[in-house]
Amino acid sequence: MTRYQHLAKKLRLAKKARQTRWAPFWAIPKALGKGRRVHPGRLTVIKRNWRRTKTKA
């Protein structure tokens, strides 16, 4: 790992980190209805882990 990262790369990596987070708690009843009990990760479109899949950033 380099000592200093370029700002553009850091911003790209931050965007990738935001995309893999769970959905907020209020998004589940909004998307699927009030009675559904679903894991928040199910609404996350991009499921990536830093060990499994690497990015092109």
N, C-alpha and C. Protein backbone atom coordinates (compact mmCIF):
# COMPACT_ATOMS: atom_id res chain seq x y z
N MET A 1 0.85 -1.19 0.00
CA MET A 1 0.00 0.00 0.00
C MET A 1 0.89 1.24 0.00
N THR A 2 0.50 2.21 -0.74
CA THR A 2 1.29 3.43 -0.80
C THR A 2 1.07 4.27 0.46
N ARG A 3 2.02 5.15 0.68
CA ARG A 3 1.89 6.01 1.86
C ARG A 3 0.80 7.04 1.66
N TYR A 4 0.71 7.60 0.46
CA TYR A 4 -0.31 8.61 0.16
C TYR A 4 -1.16 8.13 -1.00
N GLN A 5 -2.48 8.32 -0.89
CA GLN A 5 -3.39 7.98 -1.97
C GLN A 5 -3.81 9.25 -2.68
N HIS A 6 -4.01 9.14 -3.99
CA HIS A 6 -4.54 10.25 -4.73
C HIS A 6 -5.98 10.49 -4.29
N LEU A 7 -6.40 11.73 -4.32
CA LEU A 7 -7.75 12.07 -3.88
C LEU A 7 -8.81 11.40 -4.76
N ALA A 8 -8.57 11.30 -6.06
CA ALA A 8 -9.55 10.69 -6.96
C ALA A 8 -9.76 9.22 -6.62
N LYS A 9 -8.67 8.52 -6.33
CA LYS A 9 -8.79 7.10 -5.97
C LYS A 9 -9.49 6.94 -4.64
N LYS A 10 -9.20 7.83 -3.72
CA LYS A 10 -9.83 7.77 -2.40
C LYS A 10 -11.34 8.00 -2.52
N LEU A 11 -11.74 8.92 -3.40
CA LEU A 11 -13.16 9.17 -3.61
C LEU A 11 -13.84 7.99 -4.27
N ARG A 12 -13.16 7.34 -5.21
CA ARG A 12 -13.73 6.15 -5.86
C ARG A 12 -13.91 5.03 -4.86
N LEU A 13 -12.94 4.83 -3.99
CA LEU A 13 -13.04 3.77 -2.98
C LEU A 13 -14.14 4.08 -1.97
N ALA A 14 -14.31 5.36 -1.64
CA ALA A 14 -15.37 5.75 -0.71
C ALA A 14 -16.74 5.49 -1.32
N LYS A 15 -16.87 5.71 -2.62
CA LYS A 15 -18.14 5.44 -3.30
C LYS A 15 -18.44 3.94 -3.27
N LYS A 16 -17.43 3.11 -3.54
CA LYS A 16 -17.62 1.66 -3.49
C LYS A 16 -18.01 1.20 -2.09
N ALA A 17 -17.44 1.83 -1.07
CA ALA A 17 -17.78 1.46 0.30
C ALA A 17 -19.22 1.82 0.62
N ARG A 18 -19.69 2.96 0.09
CA ARG A 18 -21.08 3.36 0.33
C ARG A 18 -22.06 2.42 -0.37
N GLN A 19 -21.68 1.91 -1.53
CA GLN A 19 -22.59 1.07 -2.30
C GLN A 19 -22.84 -0.28 -1.64
N THR A 20 -21.92 -0.74 -0.81
CA THR A 20 -22.06 -2.08 -0.23
C THR A 20 -22.72 -2.05 1.15
N ARG A 21 -23.10 -0.88 1.62
CA ARG A 21 -23.73 -0.83 2.94
C ARG A 21 -25.16 -1.36 2.89
N TRP A 22 -25.69 -1.73 4.05
CA TRP A 22 -27.08 -2.15 4.13
C TRP A 22 -28.00 -0.97 3.86
N ALA A 23 -29.21 -1.30 3.50
CA ALA A 23 -30.22 -0.27 3.32
C ALA A 23 -30.62 0.28 4.69
N PRO A 24 -31.10 1.52 4.77
CA PRO A 24 -31.56 2.05 6.05
C PRO A 24 -32.82 1.33 6.53
N PHE A 25 -33.08 1.40 7.82
CA PHE A 25 -34.18 0.63 8.41
C PHE A 25 -35.53 1.05 7.87
N TRP A 26 -35.68 2.32 7.47
CA TRP A 26 -36.98 2.79 7.00
C TRP A 26 -37.24 2.42 5.55
N ALA A 27 -36.21 1.94 4.84
CA ALA A 27 -36.40 1.61 3.43
C ALA A 27 -37.14 0.30 3.23
N ILE A 28 -37.10 -0.60 4.21
CA ILE A 28 -37.74 -1.90 4.07
C ILE A 28 -39.26 -1.78 4.07
N PRO A 29 -39.88 -1.13 5.07
CA PRO A 29 -41.34 -0.98 4.97
C PRO A 29 -41.77 -0.13 3.78
N LYS A 30 -40.92 0.81 3.37
CA LYS A 30 -41.27 1.65 2.22
C LYS A 30 -41.28 0.84 0.94
N ALA A 31 -40.32 -0.07 0.78
CA ALA A 31 -40.20 -0.82 -0.46
C ALA A 31 -41.05 -2.08 -0.48
N LEU A 32 -41.15 -2.76 0.66
CA LEU A 32 -41.77 -4.09 0.67
C LEU A 32 -43.06 -4.17 1.48
N GLY A 33 -43.46 -3.10 2.13
CA GLY A 33 -44.68 -3.14 2.93
C GLY A 33 -44.36 -3.21 4.41
N LYS A 34 -45.33 -2.82 5.22
CA LYS A 34 -45.08 -2.67 6.65
C LYS A 34 -44.90 -4.01 7.36
N GLY A 35 -45.58 -5.05 6.90
CA GLY A 35 -45.55 -6.33 7.61
C GLY A 35 -44.35 -7.20 7.32
N ARG A 36 -43.61 -6.90 6.25
CA ARG A 36 -42.50 -7.77 5.87
C ARG A 36 -41.30 -7.57 6.79
N ARG A 37 -40.75 -8.69 7.25
CA ARG A 37 -39.51 -8.63 8.03
C ARG A 37 -38.40 -9.21 7.18
N VAL A 38 -37.59 -8.34 6.64
CA VAL A 38 -36.54 -8.72 5.69
C VAL A 38 -35.23 -8.11 6.17
N HIS A 39 -34.15 -8.79 5.88
CA HIS A 39 -32.83 -8.27 6.23
C HIS A 39 -32.51 -7.04 5.37
N PRO A 40 -31.94 -6.00 5.95
CA PRO A 40 -31.66 -4.78 5.18
C PRO A 40 -30.67 -4.99 4.04
N GLY A 41 -29.85 -6.02 4.12
CA GLY A 41 -28.89 -6.27 3.05
C GLY A 41 -29.55 -6.76 1.77
N ARG A 42 -30.80 -7.15 1.86
CA ARG A 42 -31.48 -7.66 0.68
C ARG A 42 -31.80 -6.56 -0.32
N LEU A 43 -31.95 -5.34 0.17
CA LEU A 43 -32.24 -4.23 -0.72
C LEU A 43 -30.98 -3.60 -1.31
N THR A 44 -29.82 -4.05 -0.85
CA THR A 44 -28.57 -3.54 -1.38
C THR A 44 -28.31 -4.20 -2.73
N VAL A 45 -28.12 -3.40 -3.76
CA VAL A 45 -27.97 -3.94 -5.10
C VAL A 45 -26.59 -4.54 -5.29
N ILE A 46 -25.55 -3.81 -4.93
CA ILE A 46 -24.18 -4.27 -5.14
C ILE A 46 -23.69 -4.92 -3.85
N LYS A 47 -23.52 -6.24 -3.90
CA LYS A 47 -23.01 -6.96 -2.74
C LYS A 47 -21.57 -7.36 -3.04
N ARG A 48 -20.65 -6.68 -2.39
CA ARG A 48 -19.23 -6.93 -2.61
C ARG A 48 -18.53 -6.93 -1.27
N ASN A 49 -17.55 -7.81 -1.13
CA ASN A 49 -16.75 -7.88 0.08
C ASN A 49 -15.29 -7.66 -0.28
N TRP A 50 -14.55 -7.06 0.60
CA TRP A 50 -13.17 -6.71 0.29
C TRP A 50 -12.29 -7.95 0.15
N ARG A 51 -12.71 -9.07 0.72
CA ARG A 51 -11.94 -10.31 0.55
C ARG A 51 -12.30 -11.03 -0.74
N ARG A 52 -13.61 -11.10 -1.03
CA ARG A 52 -14.08 -11.91 -2.16
C ARG A 52 -13.80 -11.27 -3.51
N THR A 53 -14.34 -10.08 -3.74
CA THR A 53 -14.33 -9.46 -5.05
C THR A 53 -13.56 -8.15 -5.00
N LYS A 54 -12.63 -7.99 -5.88
CA LYS A 54 -11.84 -6.76 -5.94
C LYS A 54 -12.48 -5.78 -6.92
N THR A 55 -12.20 -4.49 -6.74
CA THR A 55 -12.71 -3.45 -7.64
C THR A 55 -11.61 -3.02 -8.58
N LYS A 56 -11.99 -2.27 -9.58
CA LYS A 56 -11.02 -1.75 -10.53
C LYS A 56 -10.55 -0.35 -10.16
N ALA A 57 -10.79 0.06 -8.92
CA ALA A 57 -10.48 1.42 -8.51
C ALA A 57 -8.99 1.67 -8.39
